[in-house]
């Protein structure tokens, strides 16, 4: 499985560079380029819990909010569809 973390900063809190350093030191994770700020792979619930605990510890007390999104590695996994559909008259959209 893959999990993605999105961070939400407050201009009154620590800088994103400081948070990046904290995440690297405490959780061994670094920011990535793309739609999410951090990504990690895991294979067992214990691995997921360990990584999430390290992220939480690194961010604790900083005022930074975070959101976790996990996606399946299974070939049958379907990407979530936007709702409401962008083109409401688009019969191909699964939310039509």
C-alpha atoms as a PDB file:
ATOM      1  CA  UNK A   1       0.000   0.000   0.000  1.00  0.00           C
ATOM      2  CA  UNK A   2       0.988   3.593  -0.516  1.00  0.00           C
ATOM      3  CA  UNK A   3       0.081   6.416   1.818  1.00  0.00           C
ATOM      4  CA  UNK A   4       0.359  10.092   1.060  1.00  0.00           C
ATOM      5  CA  UNK A   5       0.567  12.920   3.563  1.00  0.00           C
ATOM      6  CA  UNK A   6      -0.571  16.466   2.866  1.00  0.00           C
ATOM      7  CA  UNK A   7       0.657  19.162   5.245  1.00  0.00           C
ATOM      8  CA  UNK A   8      -1.091  22.428   6.041  1.00  0.00           C
ATOM      9  CA  UNK A   9       1.088  25.218   7.416  1.00  0.00           C
ATOM     10  CA  UNK A  10       0.308  28.332   9.436  1.00  0.00           C
ATOM     11  CA  UNK A  11       2.440  31.395   8.726  1.00  0.00           C
ATOM     12  CA  UNK A  12       2.752  31.915  12.501  1.00  0.00           C
ATOM     13  CA  UNK A  13       4.299  28.465  12.994  1.00  0.00           C
ATOM     14  CA  UNK A  14       7.612  26.894  11.965  1.00  0.00           C
ATOM     15  CA  UNK A  15       8.717  27.227   8.346  1.00  0.00           C
ATOM     16  CA  UNK A  16       8.224  24.346   5.905  1.00  0.00           C
ATOM     17  CA  UNK A  17      12.029  23.994   5.810  1.00  0.00           C
ATOM     18  CA  UNK A  18      12.132  23.429   9.569  1.00  0.00           C
ATOM     19  CA  UNK A  19       9.307  20.893   9.310  1.00  0.00           C
ATOM     20  CA  UNK A  20      11.167  19.133   6.496  1.00  0.00           C
ATOM     21  CA  UNK A  21      14.235  18.840   8.740  1.00  0.00           C
ATOM     22  CA  UNK A  22      12.118  17.496  11.617  1.00  0.00           C
ATOM     23  CA  UNK A  23      10.460  14.878   9.399  1.00  0.00           C
ATOM     24  CA  UNK A  24      13.803  13.762   8.003  1.00  0.00           C
ATOM     25  CA  UNK A  25      15.361  13.454  11.480  1.00  0.00           C
ATOM     26  CA  UNK A  26      12.416  11.873  13.318  1.00  0.00           C
ATOM     27  CA  UNK A  27      10.722   9.807  10.630  1.00  0.00           C
ATOM     28  CA  UNK A  28      13.342   9.391   7.894  1.00  0.00           C
ATOM     29  CA  UNK A  29      10.972  11.034   5.406  1.00  0.00           C
ATOM     30  CA  UNK A  30      11.423  13.931   3.025  1.00  0.00           C
ATOM     31  CA  UNK A  31       9.116  16.113   0.974  1.00  0.00           C
ATOM     32  CA  UNK A  32       8.370  14.919  -2.545  1.00  0.00           C
ATOM     33  CA  UNK A  33       7.540  16.785  -5.730  1.00  0.00           C
ATOM     34  CA  UNK A  34       3.947  16.287  -6.794  1.00  0.00           C
ATOM     35  CA  UNK A  35       0.402  16.691  -5.525  1.00  0.00           C
ATOM     36  CA  UNK A  36       1.282  15.394  -2.024  1.00  0.00           C
ATOM     37  CA  UNK A  37       3.985  16.467   0.405  1.00  0.00           C
ATOM     38  CA  UNK A  38       5.166  13.048   1.630  1.00  0.00           C
ATOM     39  CA  UNK A  39       4.724   9.483   0.374  1.00  0.00           C
ATOM     40  CA  UNK A  40       5.551   6.157   1.977  1.00  0.00           C
ATOM     41  CA  UNK A  41       5.022   2.475   1.272  1.00  0.00           C
ATOM     42  CA  UNK A  42       3.954  -0.089   3.801  1.00  0.00           C
ATOM     43  CA  UNK A  43       3.042  -3.771   3.756  1.00  0.00           C
ATOM     44  CA  UNK A  44       1.694  -4.520   7.240  1.00  0.00           C
ATOM     45  CA  UNK A  45      -0.497  -2.654   9.682  1.00  0.00           C
ATOM     46  CA  UNK A  46       2.455  -2.540  12.074  1.00  0.00           C
ATOM     47  CA  UNK A  47       4.604  -0.765   9.440  1.00  0.00           C
ATOM     48  CA  UNK A  48       1.826   1.736   8.790  1.00  0.00           C
ATOM     49  CA  UNK A  49       1.344   2.419  12.511  1.00  0.00           C
ATOM     50  CA  UNK A  50       5.104   2.860  13.040  1.00  0.00           C
ATOM     51  CA  UNK A  51       5.492   5.348  10.183  1.00  0.00           C
ATOM     52  CA  UNK A  52       2.365   7.265  11.164  1.00  0.00           C
ATOM     53  CA  UNK A  53       3.556   7.464  14.781  1.00  0.00           C
ATOM     54  CA  UNK A  54       6.894   8.914  13.642  1.00  0.00           C
ATOM     55  CA  UNK A  55       5.181  11.504  11.428  1.00  0.00           C
ATOM     56  CA  UNK A  56       2.843  12.487  14.239  1.00  0.00           C
ATOM     57  CA  UNK A  57       5.737  12.809  16.719  1.00  0.00           C
ATOM     58  CA  UNK A  58       7.703  14.981  14.276  1.00  0.00           C
ATOM     59  CA  UNK A  59       4.736  17.325  13.779  1.00  0.00           C
ATOM     60  CA  UNK A  60       3.512  17.403  17.381  1.00  0.00           C
ATOM     61  CA  UNK A  61       3.552  20.898  18.840  1.00  0.00           C
ATOM     62  CA  UNK A  62       4.277  22.615  15.518  1.00  0.00           C
ATOM     63  CA  UNK A  63       0.730  23.687  14.668  1.00  0.00           C
ATOM     64  CA  UNK A  64       1.037  21.896  11.314  1.00  0.00           C
ATOM     65  CA  UNK A  65      -2.098  19.981  10.318  1.00  0.00           C
ATOM     66  CA  UNK A  66      -1.859  16.868   8.199  1.00  0.00           C
ATOM     67  CA  UNK A  67      -4.074  14.566   6.188  1.00  0.00           C
ATOM     68  CA  UNK A  68      -3.339  10.947   5.254  1.00  0.00           C
ATOM     69  CA  UNK A  69      -4.544   9.313   2.039  1.00  0.00           C
ATOM     70  CA  UNK A  70      -3.913   5.618   1.435  1.00  0.00           C
ATOM     71  CA  UNK A  71      -4.293   3.935  -1.942  1.00  0.00           C
ATOM     72  CA  UNK A  72      -4.313   0.266  -2.781  1.00  0.00           C
ATOM     73  CA  UNK A  73      -1.663  -1.438  -4.892  1.00  0.00           C
ATOM     74  CA  UNK A  74      -4.243  -3.912  -6.177  1.00  0.00           C
ATOM     75  CA  UNK A  75      -4.767  -3.934  -9.965  1.00  0.00           C
ATOM     76  CA  UNK A  76      -8.544  -3.820  -9.482  1.00  0.00           C
ATOM     77  CA  UNK A  77      -8.287  -0.547  -7.558  1.00  0.00           C
ATOM     78  CA  UNK A  78     -10.231   2.297  -9.176  1.00  0.00           C
ATOM     79  CA  UNK A  79      -9.200   5.904  -8.768  1.00  0.00           C
ATOM     80  CA  UNK A  80     -11.814   7.892  -6.866  1.00  0.00           C
ATOM     81  CA  UNK A  81     -14.080   9.906  -9.174  1.00  0.00           C
ATOM     82  CA  UNK A  82     -14.867  13.558  -8.553  1.00  0.00           C
ATOM     83  CA  UNK A  83     -18.306  14.319  -7.253  1.00  0.00           C
ATOM     84  CA  UNK A  84     -20.243  16.078  -8.525  1.00  0.00           C
ATOM     85  CA  UNK A  85     -18.971  15.250 -11.995  1.00  0.00           C
ATOM     86  CA  UNK A  86     -17.241  18.124 -13.752  1.00  0.00           C
ATOM     87  CA  UNK A  87     -19.205  17.549 -16.950  1.00  0.00           C
ATOM     88  CA  UNK A  88     -22.629  16.645 -15.605  1.00  0.00           C
ATOM     89  CA  UNK A  89     -23.752  15.595 -19.073  1.00  0.00           C
ATOM     90  CA  UNK A  90     -20.821  13.215 -19.490  1.00  0.00           C
ATOM     91  CA  UNK A  91     -22.351   9.685 -19.553  1.00  0.00           C
ATOM     92  CA  UNK A  92     -18.840   8.141 -19.372  1.00  0.00           C
ATOM     93  CA  UNK A  93     -18.208   9.593 -15.894  1.00  0.00           C
ATOM     94  CA  UNK A  94     -18.962   6.966 -13.193  1.00  0.00           C
ATOM     95  CA  UNK A  95     -20.867   9.552 -11.160  1.00  0.00           C
ATOM     96  CA  UNK A  96     -23.268  10.331 -14.006  1.00  0.00           C
END
